[in-house]
Structures are given as C-alpha cells and as structure tokens.
Amino acid sequence: MQEASDGNIHVIRHGEVFVITLRGEVDHDDAPTFQQAWDAADRAMLPTTAVDLSQLVFGDSLLLSALLKAKHRHEADGRDLILVGPLQPAVHRLLDISGTIEYFTIADTGPAPNS
C-alpha cells in the first residue's frame, strides 16, 4: 500500500482503488501538491480513483477545474472517478452552482478507510 501526505492532500492506494483525500481547504496555493496527487493517480492507472471530499470544507475554481479534467481523463481511459461524501455545504454549493454536480458519481462512503 503506497501512501503520501502533504498537509491537506493525502493519497493512498487500496487494492484497485487510488484514493485522494482532501481535508480542510483547497485553493490555488495547493495547486502544485494537488497536481502531484492527480499525476500519481494517472500513473497508477487503477480502474477507480476515489476523491474523498467528506473532510473538505472549502474548494475554489482549482478544485472544480481539477475534478472536471480528471473526470474527462478517466472517461477517456475507461476508468471510474468517484467523489466520496457526504459533501460539506460549501463543496456541495460549488458543484451545484457550477451545474456540475450531476456530472459526477458521488458516494456516501469511501472504498476503504483513510488511516
């Protein structure tokens, strides 16, 4: 099981699922670390990437853009991208107001514990 953590962005592999966990707030200051997490998911090329947003209280356009790009890449590769909730109010609002919430598969719980 590979694991890496940098502040509020944590990545781990659970079997055939690559999990990216976001905690606290993610904004443009986190762009390099967030990109590293996406790059690791793309290199792993596992059938499923789960993005755990249950502990994320704020995300801006960086988050939205990254999720949309990742969804597109995953679809092109025949892989699944799942958002894990429950979504905090600000994150739900970001996806709802942008009209993208229906674009994603959102699960209430993750594929495996993050600890």
N, C-alpha and C. Protein backbone atom coordinates (compact mmCIF):
# COMPACT_ATOMS: atom_id res chain seq x y z
N MET A 1 0.84 -1.17 0.00
CA MET A 1 0.00 0.00 0.00
C MET A 1 0.89 1.23 0.00
N GLN A 2 0.82 2.04 -1.07
CA GLN A 2 1.58 3.28 -1.14
C GLN A 2 0.77 4.38 -0.47
N GLU A 3 1.49 5.26 0.21
CA GLU A 3 0.80 6.35 0.89
C GLU A 3 1.68 7.59 0.87
N ALA A 4 1.04 8.74 0.68
CA ALA A 4 1.76 10.02 0.74
C ALA A 4 0.80 11.08 1.25
N SER A 5 1.34 12.03 1.98
CA SER A 5 0.51 13.08 2.53
C SER A 5 1.28 14.39 2.51
N ASP A 6 0.59 15.45 2.16
CA ASP A 6 1.19 16.78 2.20
C ASP A 6 0.12 17.74 2.70
N GLY A 7 0.10 17.95 4.00
CA GLY A 7 -0.88 18.88 4.57
C GLY A 7 -2.30 18.38 4.40
N ASN A 8 -3.06 19.08 3.59
CA ASN A 8 -4.48 18.76 3.45
C ASN A 8 -4.79 17.85 2.25
N ILE A 9 -3.76 17.32 1.60
CA ILE A 9 -3.95 16.41 0.46
C ILE A 9 -3.22 15.11 0.77
N HIS A 10 -3.96 14.01 0.76
CA HIS A 10 -3.43 12.72 1.16
C HIS A 10 -3.76 11.71 0.05
N VAL A 11 -2.79 10.91 -0.35
CA VAL A 11 -3.04 9.88 -1.36
C VAL A 11 -2.64 8.52 -0.82
N ILE A 12 -3.40 7.50 -1.22
CA ILE A 12 -3.12 6.13 -0.80
C ILE A 12 -3.76 5.18 -1.82
N ARG A 13 -3.16 4.03 -1.96
CA ARG A 13 -3.70 3.00 -2.84
C ARG A 13 -4.29 1.91 -1.98
N HIS A 14 -5.55 1.56 -2.24
CA HIS A 14 -6.23 0.45 -1.58
C HIS A 14 -6.62 -0.54 -2.65
N GLY A 15 -5.81 -1.57 -2.83
CA GLY A 15 -6.11 -2.56 -3.85
C GLY A 15 -6.17 -1.93 -5.23
N GLU A 16 -7.32 -2.00 -5.86
CA GLU A 16 -7.52 -1.47 -7.21
C GLU A 16 -8.12 -0.07 -7.22
N VAL A 17 -8.08 0.60 -6.06
CA VAL A 17 -8.64 1.95 -5.95
C VAL A 17 -7.54 2.90 -5.48
N PHE A 18 -7.38 4.00 -6.22
CA PHE A 18 -6.47 5.07 -5.82
C PHE A 18 -7.31 6.12 -5.12
N VAL A 19 -6.96 6.46 -3.88
CA VAL A 19 -7.77 7.38 -3.08
C VAL A 19 -7.00 8.68 -2.86
N ILE A 20 -7.65 9.78 -3.20
CA ILE A 20 -7.14 11.12 -2.91
C ILE A 20 -8.08 11.72 -1.87
N THR A 21 -7.55 12.04 -0.72
CA THR A 21 -8.36 12.62 0.35
C THR A 21 -7.98 14.09 0.50
N LEU A 22 -8.98 14.94 0.48
CA LEU A 22 -8.78 16.38 0.65
C LEU A 22 -9.39 16.79 1.98
N ARG A 23 -8.61 17.55 2.77
CA ARG A 23 -9.07 17.99 4.09
C ARG A 23 -8.97 19.50 4.21
N GLY A 24 -9.83 20.05 4.99
CA GLY A 24 -9.75 21.49 5.28
C GLY A 24 -10.13 22.32 4.08
N GLU A 25 -9.19 23.10 3.58
CA GLU A 25 -9.42 23.98 2.44
C GLU A 25 -8.42 23.67 1.34
N VAL A 26 -8.88 23.68 0.10
CA VAL A 26 -8.00 23.51 -1.06
C VAL A 26 -8.24 24.70 -1.98
N ASP A 27 -7.16 25.44 -2.24
CA ASP A 27 -7.28 26.59 -3.14
C ASP A 27 -6.04 26.67 -4.02
N HIS A 28 -5.87 27.77 -4.72
CA HIS A 28 -4.76 27.90 -5.68
C HIS A 28 -3.39 27.70 -5.05
N ASP A 29 -3.24 27.97 -3.76
CA ASP A 29 -1.96 27.75 -3.09
C ASP A 29 -1.57 26.27 -3.08
N ASP A 30 -2.56 25.41 -3.19
CA ASP A 30 -2.33 23.96 -3.15
C ASP A 30 -2.15 23.35 -4.54
N ALA A 31 -2.13 24.16 -5.57
CA ALA A 31 -2.09 23.67 -6.94
C ALA A 31 -0.95 22.68 -7.21
N PRO A 32 0.29 22.97 -6.82
CA PRO A 32 1.36 22.01 -7.11
C PRO A 32 1.16 20.65 -6.44
N THR A 33 0.76 20.66 -5.18
CA THR A 33 0.53 19.42 -4.45
C THR A 33 -0.65 18.66 -5.03
N PHE A 34 -1.69 19.40 -5.37
CA PHE A 34 -2.89 18.79 -5.95
C PHE A 34 -2.53 18.15 -7.29
N GLN A 35 -1.73 18.82 -8.09
CA GLN A 35 -1.32 18.27 -9.38
C GLN A 35 -0.50 16.99 -9.19
N GLN A 36 0.34 16.96 -8.18
CA GLN A 36 1.12 15.76 -7.90
C GLN A 36 0.21 14.58 -7.57
N ALA A 37 -0.86 14.85 -6.83
CA ALA A 37 -1.82 13.78 -6.49
C ALA A 37 -2.49 13.25 -7.75
N TRP A 38 -2.91 14.15 -8.64
CA TRP A 38 -3.54 13.72 -9.90
C TRP A 38 -2.56 12.95 -10.77
N ASP A 39 -1.31 13.42 -10.81
CA ASP A 39 -0.29 12.73 -11.60
C ASP A 39 -0.07 11.31 -11.07
N ALA A 40 -0.04 11.17 -9.75
CA ALA A 40 0.13 9.84 -9.15
C ALA A 40 -1.05 8.93 -9.50
N ALA A 41 -2.26 9.48 -9.48
CA ALA A 41 -3.44 8.68 -9.86
C ALA A 41 -3.36 8.26 -11.32
N ASP A 42 -2.93 9.17 -12.18
CA ASP A 42 -2.82 8.84 -13.60
C ASP A 42 -1.73 7.81 -13.86
N ARG A 43 -0.61 7.90 -13.16
CA ARG A 43 0.46 6.91 -13.31
C ARG A 43 0.01 5.53 -12.84
N ALA A 44 -0.76 5.50 -11.76
CA ALA A 44 -1.22 4.23 -11.21
C ALA A 44 -2.18 3.52 -12.18
N MET A 45 -2.95 4.31 -12.93
CA MET A 45 -3.90 3.77 -13.91
C MET A 45 -4.78 2.65 -13.34
N LEU A 46 -5.20 2.82 -12.09
CA LEU A 46 -6.10 1.84 -11.48
C LEU A 46 -7.50 2.02 -12.04
N PRO A 47 -8.33 1.00 -11.97
CA PRO A 47 -9.68 1.09 -12.53
C PRO A 47 -10.53 2.22 -11.94
N THR A 48 -10.25 2.56 -10.67
CA THR A 48 -11.06 3.57 -9.99
C THR A 48 -10.19 4.53 -9.20
N THR A 49 -10.53 5.81 -9.30
CA THR A 49 -9.96 6.83 -8.43
C THR A 49 -11.10 7.38 -7.60
N ALA A 50 -10.95 7.35 -6.29
CA ALA A 50 -11.94 7.92 -5.38
C ALA A 50 -11.36 9.20 -4.78
N VAL A 51 -12.12 10.28 -4.87
CA VAL A 51 -11.70 11.55 -4.29
C VAL A 51 -12.58 11.79 -3.08
N ASP A 52 -12.00 11.62 -1.90
CA ASP A 52 -12.73 11.77 -0.66
C ASP A 52 -12.82 13.25 -0.31
N LEU A 53 -14.02 13.80 -0.42
CA LEU A 53 -14.28 15.21 -0.14
C LEU A 53 -15.01 15.40 1.19
N SER A 54 -15.20 14.33 1.94
CA SER A 54 -16.01 14.40 3.15
C SER A 54 -15.42 15.33 4.21
N GLN A 55 -14.11 15.56 4.18
CA GLN A 55 -13.46 16.41 5.18
C GLN A 55 -13.04 17.76 4.60
N LEU A 56 -13.45 18.03 3.37
CA LEU A 56 -13.11 19.30 2.71
C LEU A 56 -14.18 20.33 3.00
N VAL A 57 -13.79 21.45 3.59
CA VAL A 57 -14.76 22.48 3.94
C VAL A 57 -14.81 23.62 2.93
N PHE A 58 -13.76 23.72 2.08
CA PHE A 58 -13.75 24.78 1.07
C PHE A 58 -12.92 24.33 -0.12
N GLY A 59 -13.43 24.60 -1.30
CA GLY A 59 -12.69 24.39 -2.54
C GLY A 59 -13.07 25.49 -3.51
N ASP A 60 -12.12 25.97 -4.28
CA ASP A 60 -12.41 27.04 -5.23
C ASP A 60 -12.37 26.50 -6.66
N SER A 61 -12.17 27.40 -7.60
CA SER A 61 -12.18 27.00 -9.02
C SER A 61 -11.06 26.01 -9.34
N LEU A 62 -9.98 26.01 -8.59
CA LEU A 62 -8.92 25.00 -8.77
C LEU A 62 -9.50 23.61 -8.59
N LEU A 63 -10.25 23.42 -7.53
CA LEU A 63 -10.86 22.12 -7.25
C LEU A 63 -11.81 21.73 -8.37
N LEU A 64 -12.69 22.64 -8.74
CA LEU A 64 -13.67 22.34 -9.78
C LEU A 64 -13.00 22.00 -11.10
N SER A 65 -12.02 22.79 -11.49
CA SER A 65 -11.31 22.54 -12.74
C SER A 65 -10.58 21.19 -12.70
N ALA A 66 -9.92 20.90 -11.59
CA ALA A 66 -9.20 19.64 -11.46
C ALA A 66 -10.13 18.44 -11.52
N LEU A 67 -11.28 18.54 -10.86
CA LEU A 67 -12.24 17.44 -10.89
C LEU A 67 -12.78 17.21 -12.30
N LEU A 68 -13.09 18.30 -13.00
CA LEU A 68 -13.62 18.16 -14.36
C LEU A 68 -12.58 17.57 -15.31
N LYS A 69 -11.34 18.03 -15.20
CA LYS A 69 -10.26 17.48 -16.04
C LYS A 69 -10.02 16.00 -15.72
N ALA A 70 -10.03 15.68 -14.45
CA ALA A 70 -9.81 14.28 -14.05
C ALA A 70 -10.95 13.40 -14.55
N LYS A 71 -12.17 13.89 -14.46
CA LYS A 71 -13.32 13.12 -14.96
C LYS A 71 -13.15 12.84 -16.45
N HIS A 72 -12.74 13.84 -17.19
CA HIS A 72 -12.54 13.68 -18.64
C HIS A 72 -11.43 12.65 -18.92
N ARG A 73 -10.30 12.76 -18.21
CA ARG A 73 -9.20 11.80 -18.41
C ARG A 73 -9.62 10.39 -18.04
N HIS A 74 -10.32 10.25 -16.94
CA HIS A 74 -10.75 8.92 -16.52
C HIS A 74 -11.70 8.31 -17.54
N GLU A 75 -12.64 9.09 -18.02
CA GLU A 75 -13.57 8.57 -19.04
C GLU A 75 -12.82 8.15 -20.30
N ALA A 76 -11.86 8.95 -20.73
CA ALA A 76 -11.08 8.64 -21.93
C ALA A 76 -10.28 7.34 -21.76
N ASP A 77 -9.85 7.07 -20.53
CA ASP A 77 -9.07 5.86 -20.24
C ASP A 77 -9.94 4.67 -19.84
N GLY A 78 -11.25 4.86 -19.76
CA GLY A 78 -12.14 3.78 -19.36
C GLY A 78 -12.08 3.48 -17.86
N ARG A 79 -11.71 4.50 -17.08
CA ARG A 79 -11.62 4.34 -15.63
C ARG A 79 -12.76 5.12 -14.97
N ASP A 80 -13.03 4.77 -13.71
CA ASP A 80 -14.08 5.45 -12.95
C ASP A 80 -13.48 6.48 -12.02
N LEU A 81 -14.16 7.61 -11.91
CA LEU A 81 -13.83 8.65 -10.93
C LEU A 81 -15.05 8.81 -10.04
N ILE A 82 -14.85 8.62 -8.75
CA ILE A 82 -15.95 8.70 -7.79
C ILE A 82 -15.62 9.75 -6.74
N LEU A 83 -16.56 10.62 -6.47
CA LEU A 83 -16.41 11.59 -5.37
C LEU A 83 -17.05 10.97 -4.14
N VAL A 84 -16.37 11.06 -3.02
CA VAL A 84 -16.85 10.46 -1.78
C VAL A 84 -17.28 11.56 -0.83
N GLY A 85 -18.48 11.45 -0.31
CA GLY A 85 -19.02 12.41 0.63
C GLY A 85 -19.22 11.76 1.97
N PRO A 86 -20.08 12.33 2.77
CA PRO A 86 -21.00 13.39 2.38
C PRO A 86 -20.26 14.71 2.12
N LEU A 87 -20.78 15.45 1.16
CA LEU A 87 -20.18 16.73 0.80
C LEU A 87 -20.53 17.79 1.83
N GLN A 88 -19.51 18.57 2.22
CA GLN A 88 -19.74 19.69 3.11
C GLN A 88 -20.50 20.78 2.34
N PRO A 89 -21.24 21.65 3.03
CA PRO A 89 -22.09 22.64 2.35
C PRO A 89 -21.38 23.47 1.28
N ALA A 90 -20.19 23.98 1.56
CA ALA A 90 -19.50 24.83 0.58
C ALA A 90 -19.09 24.05 -0.66
N VAL A 91 -18.71 22.80 -0.50
CA VAL A 91 -18.31 21.96 -1.63
C VAL A 91 -19.55 21.60 -2.45
N HIS A 92 -20.63 21.24 -1.78
CA HIS A 92 -21.88 20.94 -2.47
C HIS A 92 -22.34 22.16 -3.26
N ARG A 93 -22.24 23.32 -2.66
CA ARG A 93 -22.66 24.57 -3.31
C ARG A 93 -21.81 24.84 -4.56
N LEU A 94 -20.49 24.62 -4.47
CA LEU A 94 -19.60 24.81 -5.61
C LEU A 94 -20.03 23.94 -6.79
N LEU A 95 -20.30 22.68 -6.53
CA LEU A 95 -20.71 21.76 -7.60
C LEU A 95 -22.12 22.08 -8.10
N ASP A 96 -22.99 22.48 -7.19
CA ASP A 96 -24.37 22.78 -7.56
C ASP A 96 -24.46 24.06 -8.39
N ILE A 97 -23.86 25.14 -7.92
CA ILE A 97 -23.93 26.43 -8.62
C ILE A 97 -23.26 26.35 -9.99
N SER A 98 -22.20 25.56 -10.08
CA SER A 98 -21.50 25.43 -11.37
C SER A 98 -22.25 24.53 -12.34
N GLY A 99 -23.28 23.86 -11.85
CA GLY A 99 -24.06 22.96 -12.71
C GLY A 99 -23.34 21.65 -13.02
N THR A 100 -22.36 21.29 -12.21
CA THR A 100 -21.58 20.09 -12.48
C THR A 100 -21.88 18.93 -11.55
N ILE A 101 -22.70 19.12 -10.56
CA ILE A 101 -22.92 18.07 -9.57
C ILE A 101 -23.45 16.78 -10.21
N GLU A 102 -24.29 16.91 -11.21
CA GLU A 102 -24.86 15.73 -11.87
C GLU A 102 -23.85 15.03 -12.77
N TYR A 103 -22.74 15.67 -13.06
CA TYR A 103 -21.70 15.11 -13.92
C TYR A 103 -20.89 14.03 -13.20
N PHE A 104 -20.91 14.08 -11.86
CA PHE A 104 -20.08 13.18 -11.05
C PHE A 104 -20.90 12.10 -10.37
N THR A 105 -20.24 10.96 -10.14
CA THR A 105 -20.79 9.92 -9.28
C THR A 105 -20.34 10.27 -7.87
N ILE A 106 -21.31 10.40 -6.96
CA ILE A 106 -21.00 10.76 -5.58
C ILE A 106 -21.48 9.64 -4.68
N ALA A 107 -20.56 9.08 -3.90
CA ALA A 107 -20.87 8.01 -2.97
C ALA A 107 -20.87 8.56 -1.55
N ASP A 108 -21.67 7.95 -0.69
CA ASP A 108 -21.74 8.40 0.70
C ASP A 108 -20.55 7.96 1.53
N THR A 109 -19.91 6.86 1.16
CA THR A 109 -18.75 6.38 1.90
C THR A 109 -17.67 5.94 0.92
N GLY A 110 -16.47 5.88 1.40
CA GLY A 110 -15.34 5.54 0.55
C GLY A 110 -15.10 4.06 0.40
N PRO A 111 -14.14 3.72 -0.47
CA PRO A 111 -13.83 2.32 -0.74
C PRO A 111 -13.08 1.64 0.39
N ALA A 112 -12.41 2.43 1.23
CA ALA A 112 -11.64 1.87 2.34
C ALA A 112 -11.30 3.00 3.29
N PRO A 113 -11.00 2.68 4.54
CA PRO A 113 -10.62 3.74 5.47
C PRO A 113 -9.36 4.46 5.04
N ASN A 114 -9.24 5.72 5.43
CA ASN A 114 -8.09 6.54 5.06
C ASN A 114 -7.00 6.56 6.11
N SER A 115 -7.02 5.65 7.01
CA SER A 115 -5.96 5.66 8.02
C SER A 115 -5.16 4.40 7.99
